[in-house]
Amino acid sequence: MVDEELTAHITEVGPVEFELPDLTTGERLIQPRAVLLTSGRGKLLTDIYWSELWAGRRRR
């Protein structure tokens, strides 16, 4: 079941490229990175996104 959902997500959305900070070099670099798990609309999953997503559920 999870494999089917993941396959569907990859087929529908696919890896999405974002400009992200590269913290591995010690320099302030922004590099393109392909991200596999995104929102259903192909947006980057951030702490703010998760907080907004769970806000209504926390209230309930």
PDB file of N, CA and C in Angstrom:
ATOM      1  N   MET A   1       0.816  -1.186   0.000  1.00  0.00           N
ATOM      2  CA  MET A   1       0.000   0.000   0.000  1.00  0.00           C
ATOM      3  C   MET A   1       0.867   1.260   0.000  1.00  0.00           C
ATOM      4  N   VAL A   2       1.852   1.335   0.862  1.00  0.00           N
ATOM      5  CA  VAL A   2       2.744   2.494   0.879  1.00  0.00           C
ATOM      6  C   VAL A   2       3.503   2.587  -0.432  1.00  0.00           C
ATOM      7  N   ASP A   3       3.943   1.438  -0.933  1.00  0.00           N
ATOM      8  CA  ASP A   3       4.682   1.439  -2.193  1.00  0.00           C
ATOM      9  C   ASP A   3       3.820   1.964  -3.340  1.00  0.00           C
ATOM     10  N   GLU A   4       2.527   1.666  -3.326  1.00  0.00           N
ATOM     11  CA  GLU A   4       1.631   2.150  -4.366  1.00  0.00           C
ATOM     12  C   GLU A   4       1.465   3.671  -4.281  1.00  0.00           C
ATOM     13  N   GLU A   5       1.337   4.178  -3.061  1.00  0.00           N
ATOM     14  CA  GLU A   5       1.194   5.620  -2.862  1.00  0.00           C
ATOM     15  C   GLU A   5       2.465   6.350  -3.283  1.00  0.00           C
ATOM     16  N   LEU A   6       3.614   5.803  -2.922  1.00  0.00           N
ATOM     17  CA  LEU A   6       4.885   6.408  -3.294  1.00  0.00           C
ATOM     18  C   LEU A   6       5.073   6.395  -4.808  1.00  0.00           C
ATOM     19  N   THR A   7       4.752   5.279  -5.439  1.00  0.00           N
ATOM     20  CA  THR A   7       4.850   5.181  -6.895  1.00  0.00           C
ATOM     21  C   THR A   7       3.927   6.195  -7.566  1.00  0.00           C
ATOM     22  N   ALA A   8       2.722   6.344  -7.055  1.00  0.00           N
ATOM     23  CA  ALA A   8       1.768   7.311  -7.619  1.00  0.00           C
ATOM     24  C   ALA A   8       2.297   8.733  -7.464  1.00  0.00           C
ATOM     25  N   HIS A   9       2.871   9.039  -6.299  1.00  0.00           N
ATOM     26  CA  HIS A   9       3.425  10.379  -6.061  1.00  0.00           C
ATOM     27  C   HIS A   9       4.574  10.664  -7.029  1.00  0.00           C
ATOM     28  N   ILE A  10       5.453   9.697  -7.196  1.00  0.00           N
ATOM     29  CA  ILE A  10       6.588   9.871  -8.101  1.00  0.00           C
ATOM     30  C   ILE A  10       6.093  10.058  -9.533  1.00  0.00           C
ATOM     31  N   THR A  11       5.079   9.298  -9.928  1.00  0.00           N
ATOM     32  CA  THR A  11       4.537   9.400 -11.277  1.00  0.00           C
ATOM     33  C   THR A  11       3.854  10.744 -11.502  1.00  0.00           C
ATOM     34  N   GLU A  12       3.060  11.171 -10.535  1.00  0.00           N
ATOM     35  CA  GLU A  12       2.289  12.405 -10.680  1.00  0.00           C
ATOM     36  C   GLU A  12       3.122  13.660 -10.473  1.00  0.00           C
ATOM     37  N   VAL A  13       3.970  13.654  -9.462  1.00  0.00           N
ATOM     38  CA  VAL A  13       4.714  14.856  -9.092  1.00  0.00           C
ATOM     39  C   VAL A  13       6.178  14.735  -9.485  1.00  0.00           C
ATOM     40  N   GLY A  14       6.753  13.545  -9.246  1.00  0.00           N
ATOM     41  CA  GLY A  14       8.159  13.316  -9.568  1.00  0.00           C
ATOM     42  C   GLY A  14       9.088  14.112  -8.672  1.00  0.00           C
ATOM     43  N   PRO A  15      10.374  13.934  -8.847  1.00  0.00           N
ATOM     44  CA  PRO A  15      11.309  14.768  -8.104  1.00  0.00           C
ATOM     45  C   PRO A  15      11.173  16.221  -8.567  1.00  0.00           C
ATOM     46  N   VAL A  16      11.183  17.123  -7.634  1.00  0.00           N
ATOM     47  CA  VAL A  16      11.059  18.540  -7.927  1.00  0.00           C
ATOM     48  C   VAL A  16      12.363  19.211  -7.506  1.00  0.00           C
ATOM     49  N   GLU A  17      12.898  20.054  -8.370  1.00  0.00           N
ATOM     50  CA  GLU A  17      14.161  20.706  -8.063  1.00  0.00           C
ATOM     51  C   GLU A  17      13.914  22.023  -7.341  1.00  0.00           C
ATOM     52  N   PHE A  18      14.642  22.206  -6.236  1.00  0.00           N
ATOM     53  CA  PHE A  18      14.572  23.426  -5.441  1.00  0.00           C
ATOM     54  C   PHE A  18      15.973  23.972  -5.257  1.00  0.00           C
ATOM     55  N   GLU A  19      16.075  25.276  -5.069  1.00  0.00           N
ATOM     56  CA  GLU A  19      17.335  25.906  -4.707  1.00  0.00           C
ATOM     57  C   GLU A  19      17.409  25.881  -3.181  1.00  0.00           C
ATOM     58  N   LEU A  20      18.337  25.099  -2.649  1.00  0.00           N
ATOM     59  CA  LEU A  20      18.442  24.921  -1.207  1.00  0.00           C
ATOM     60  C   LEU A  20      19.842  25.268  -0.721  1.00  0.00           C
ATOM     61  N   PRO A  21      19.946  25.716   0.539  1.00  0.00           N
ATOM     62  CA  PRO A  21      21.277  25.990   1.078  1.00  0.00           C
ATOM     63  C   PRO A  21      22.066  24.699   1.251  1.00  0.00           C
ATOM     64  N   ASP A  22      23.327  24.745   0.887  1.00  0.00           N
ATOM     65  CA  ASP A  22      24.227  23.606   1.074  1.00  0.00           C
ATOM     66  C   ASP A  22      25.035  23.874   2.330  1.00  0.00           C
ATOM     67  N   LEU A  23      24.721  23.184   3.400  1.00  0.00           N
ATOM     68  CA  LEU A  23      25.369  23.410   4.688  1.00  0.00           C
ATOM     69  C   LEU A  23      26.622  22.565   4.881  1.00  0.00           C
ATOM     70  N   THR A  24      26.978  21.783   3.882  1.00  0.00           N
ATOM     71  CA  THR A  24      28.098  20.851   4.035  1.00  0.00           C
ATOM     72  C   THR A  24      29.455  21.484   3.747  1.00  0.00           C
ATOM     73  N   THR A  25      29.478  22.639   3.100  1.00  0.00           N
ATOM     74  CA  THR A  25      30.748  23.218   2.669  1.00  0.00           C
ATOM     75  C   THR A  25      31.326  24.228   3.645  1.00  0.00           C
ATOM     76  N   GLY A  26      30.533  24.744   4.559  1.00  0.00           N
ATOM     77  CA  GLY A  26      30.984  25.804   5.446  1.00  0.00           C
ATOM     78  C   GLY A  26      30.852  27.179   4.808  1.00  0.00           C
ATOM     79  N   GLU A  27      30.487  27.227   3.543  1.00  0.00           N
ATOM     80  CA  GLU A  27      30.266  28.487   2.838  1.00  0.00           C
ATOM     81  C   GLU A  27      28.770  28.688   2.649  1.00  0.00           C
ATOM     82  N   ARG A  28      28.393  29.908   2.306  1.00  0.00           N
ATOM     83  CA  ARG A  28      26.980  30.204   2.064  1.00  0.00           C
ATOM     84  C   ARG A  28      26.654  29.943   0.605  1.00  0.00           C
ATOM     85  N   LEU A  29      26.396  28.695   0.281  1.00  0.00           N
ATOM     86  CA  LEU A  29      26.084  28.307  -1.088  1.00  0.00           C
ATOM     87  C   LEU A  29      24.627  27.897  -1.206  1.00  0.00           C
ATOM     88  N   ILE A  30      24.034  28.233  -2.318  1.00  0.00           N
ATOM     89  CA  ILE A  30      22.691  27.767  -2.664  1.00  0.00           C
ATOM     90  C   ILE A  30      22.866  26.861  -3.878  1.00  0.00           C
ATOM     91  N   GLN A  31      22.368  25.648  -3.777  1.00  0.00           N
ATOM     92  CA  GLN A  31      22.546  24.684  -4.857  1.00  0.00           C
ATOM     93  C   GLN A  31      21.209  24.059  -5.228  1.00  0.00           C
ATOM     94  N   PRO A  32      21.047  23.687  -6.491  1.00  0.00           N
ATOM     95  CA  PRO A  32      19.834  22.980  -6.890  1.00  0.00           C
ATOM     96  C   PRO A  32      19.851  21.549  -6.345  1.00  0.00           C
ATOM     97  N   ARG A  33      18.740  21.127  -5.784  1.00  0.00           N
ATOM     98  CA  ARG A  33      18.613  19.773  -5.256  1.00  0.00           C
ATOM     99  C   ARG A  33      17.256  19.216  -5.647  1.00  0.00           C
ATOM    100  N   ALA A  34      17.241  17.971  -6.101  1.00  0.00           N
ATOM    101  CA  ALA A  34      15.984  17.298  -6.426  1.00  0.00           C
ATOM    102  C   ALA A  34      15.411  16.694  -5.151  1.00  0.00           C
ATOM    103  N   VAL A  35      14.172  17.010  -4.876  1.00  0.00           N
ATOM    104  CA  VAL A  35      13.490  16.529  -3.671  1.00  0.00           C
ATOM    105  C   VAL A  35      12.361  15.610  -4.116  1.00  0.00           C
ATOM    106  N   LEU A  36      12.348  14.414  -3.571  1.00  0.00           N
ATOM    107  CA  LEU A  36      11.357  13.425  -3.984  1.00  0.00           C
ATOM    108  C   LEU A  36      10.020  13.611  -3.273  1.00  0.00           C
ATOM    109  N   LEU A  37      10.057  13.822  -1.973  1.00  0.00           N
ATOM    110  CA  LEU A  37       8.812  13.945  -1.223  1.00  0.00           C
ATOM    111  C   LEU A  37       8.441  15.408  -1.081  1.00  0.00           C
ATOM    112  N   THR A  38       7.369  15.781  -1.745  1.00  0.00           N
ATOM    113  CA  THR A  38       6.863  17.144  -1.727  1.00  0.00           C
ATOM    114  C   THR A  38       5.378  17.093  -1.385  1.00  0.00           C
ATOM    115  N   SER A  39       4.794  18.257  -1.292  1.00  0.00           N
ATOM    116  CA  SER A  39       3.352  18.293  -1.079  1.00  0.00           C
ATOM    117  C   SER A  39       2.656  17.804  -2.340  1.00  0.00           C
ATOM    118  N   GLY A  40       1.361  17.618  -2.269  1.00  0.00           N
ATOM    119  CA  GLY A  40       0.592  17.188  -3.432  1.00  0.00           C
ATOM    120  C   GLY A  40       0.642  18.183  -4.576  1.00  0.00           C
ATOM    121  N   ARG A  41       1.004  19.423  -4.245  1.00  0.00           N
ATOM    122  CA  ARG A  41       1.114  20.470  -5.269  1.00  0.00           C
ATOM    123  C   ARG A  41       2.564  20.719  -5.680  1.00  0.00           C
ATOM    124  N   GLY A  42       3.474  19.840  -5.223  1.00  0.00           N
ATOM    125  CA  GLY A  42       4.865  19.973  -5.605  1.00  0.00           C
ATOM    126  C   GLY A  42       5.630  21.022  -4.847  1.00  0.00           C
ATOM    127  N   LYS A  43       5.139  21.412  -3.688  1.00  0.00           N
ATOM    128  CA  LYS A  43       5.806  22.422  -2.865  1.00  0.00           C
ATOM    129  C   LYS A  43       6.759  21.737  -1.883  1.00  0.00           C
ATOM    130  N   LEU A  44       7.777  22.468  -1.497  1.00  0.00           N
ATOM    131  CA  LEU A  44       8.750  21.970  -0.546  1.00  0.00           C
ATOM    132  C   LEU A  44       8.099  21.785   0.822  1.00  0.00           C
ATOM    133  N   LEU A  45       8.370  20.661   1.465  1.00  0.00           N
ATOM    134  CA  LEU A  45       7.849  20.407   2.807  1.00  0.00           C
ATOM    135  C   LEU A  45       8.783  21.086   3.809  1.00  0.00           C
ATOM    136  N   THR A  46       8.282  22.122   4.442  1.00  0.00           N
ATOM    137  CA  THR A  46       9.076  22.869   5.416  1.00  0.00           C
ATOM    138  C   THR A  46       8.448  22.752   6.796  1.00  0.00           C
ATOM    139  N   ASP A  47       9.148  23.245   7.804  1.00  0.00           N
ATOM    140  CA  ASP A  47       8.593  23.241   9.147  1.00  0.00           C
ATOM    141  C   ASP A  47       7.323  24.087   9.211  1.00  0.00           C
ATOM    142  N   ILE A  48       7.275  25.176   8.458  1.00  0.00           N
ATOM    143  CA  ILE A  48       6.086  26.030   8.437  1.00  0.00           C
ATOM    144  C   ILE A  48       4.916  25.284   7.795  1.00  0.00           C
ATOM    145  N   TYR A  49       5.185  24.570   6.707  1.00  0.00           N
ATOM    146  CA  TYR A  49       4.140  23.785   6.040  1.00  0.00           C
ATOM    147  C   TYR A  49       3.548  22.760   7.012  1.00  0.00           C
ATOM    148  N   TRP A  50       4.418  22.005   7.692  1.00  0.00           N
ATOM    149  CA  TRP A  50       3.942  20.980   8.622  1.00  0.00           C
ATOM    150  C   TRP A  50       3.155  21.601   9.766  1.00  0.00           C
ATOM    151  N   SER A  51       3.612  22.745  10.261  1.00  0.00           N
ATOM    152  CA  SER A  51       2.913  23.415  11.352  1.00  0.00           C
ATOM    153  C   SER A  51       1.508  23.824  10.927  1.00  0.00           C
ATOM    154  N   GLU A  52       1.397  24.386   9.720  1.00  0.00           N
ATOM    155  CA  GLU A  52       0.076  24.774   9.207  1.00  0.00           C
ATOM    156  C   GLU A  52      -0.801  23.551   8.951  1.00  0.00           C
ATOM    157  N   LEU A  53      -0.203  22.497   8.427  1.00  0.00           N
ATOM    158  CA  LEU A  53      -0.944  21.279   8.124  1.00  0.00           C
ATOM    159  C   LEU A  53      -1.557  20.671   9.391  1.00  0.00           C
ATOM    160  N   TRP A  54      -0.804  20.676  10.478  1.00  0.00           N
ATOM    161  CA  TRP A  54      -1.252  20.042  11.709  1.00  0.00           C
ATOM    162  C   TRP A  54      -2.003  20.991  12.645  1.00  0.00           C
ATOM    163  N   ALA A  55      -2.064  22.263  12.330  1.00  0.00           N
ATOM    164  CA  ALA A  55      -2.704  23.229  13.226  1.00  0.00           C
ATOM    165  C   ALA A  55      -4.155  22.860  13.536  1.00  0.00           C
ATOM    166  N   GLY A  56      -4.927  22.562  12.525  1.00  0.00           N
ATOM    167  CA  GLY A  56      -6.332  22.191  12.739  1.00  0.00           C
ATOM    168  C   GLY A  56      -6.477  20.898  13.505  1.00  0.00           C
ATOM    169  N   ARG A  57      -5.609  19.967  13.244  1.00  0.00           N
ATOM    170  CA  ARG A  57      -5.672  18.679  13.944  1.00  0.00           C
ATOM    171  C   ARG A  57      -5.310  18.833  15.416  1.00  0.00           C
ATOM    172  N   ARG A  58      -4.379  19.724  15.712  1.00  0.00           N
ATOM    173  CA  ARG A  58      -3.998  19.952  17.113  1.00  0.00           C
ATOM    174  C   ARG A  58      -5.161  20.564  17.876  1.00  0.00           C
ATOM    175  N   ARG A  59      -5.891  21.477  17.238  1.00  0.00           N
ATOM    176  CA  ARG A  59      -7.033  22.122  17.916  1.00  0.00           C
ATOM    177  C   ARG A  59      -8.116  21.105  18.245  1.00  0.00           C
ATOM    178  N   ARG A  60      -8.323  20.130  17.338  1.00  0.00           N
ATOM    179  CA  ARG A  60      -9.350  19.110  17.577  1.00  0.00           C
ATOM    180  C   ARG A  60      -8.927  18.203  18.691  1.00  0.00           C
TER     181      ARG A  60
END
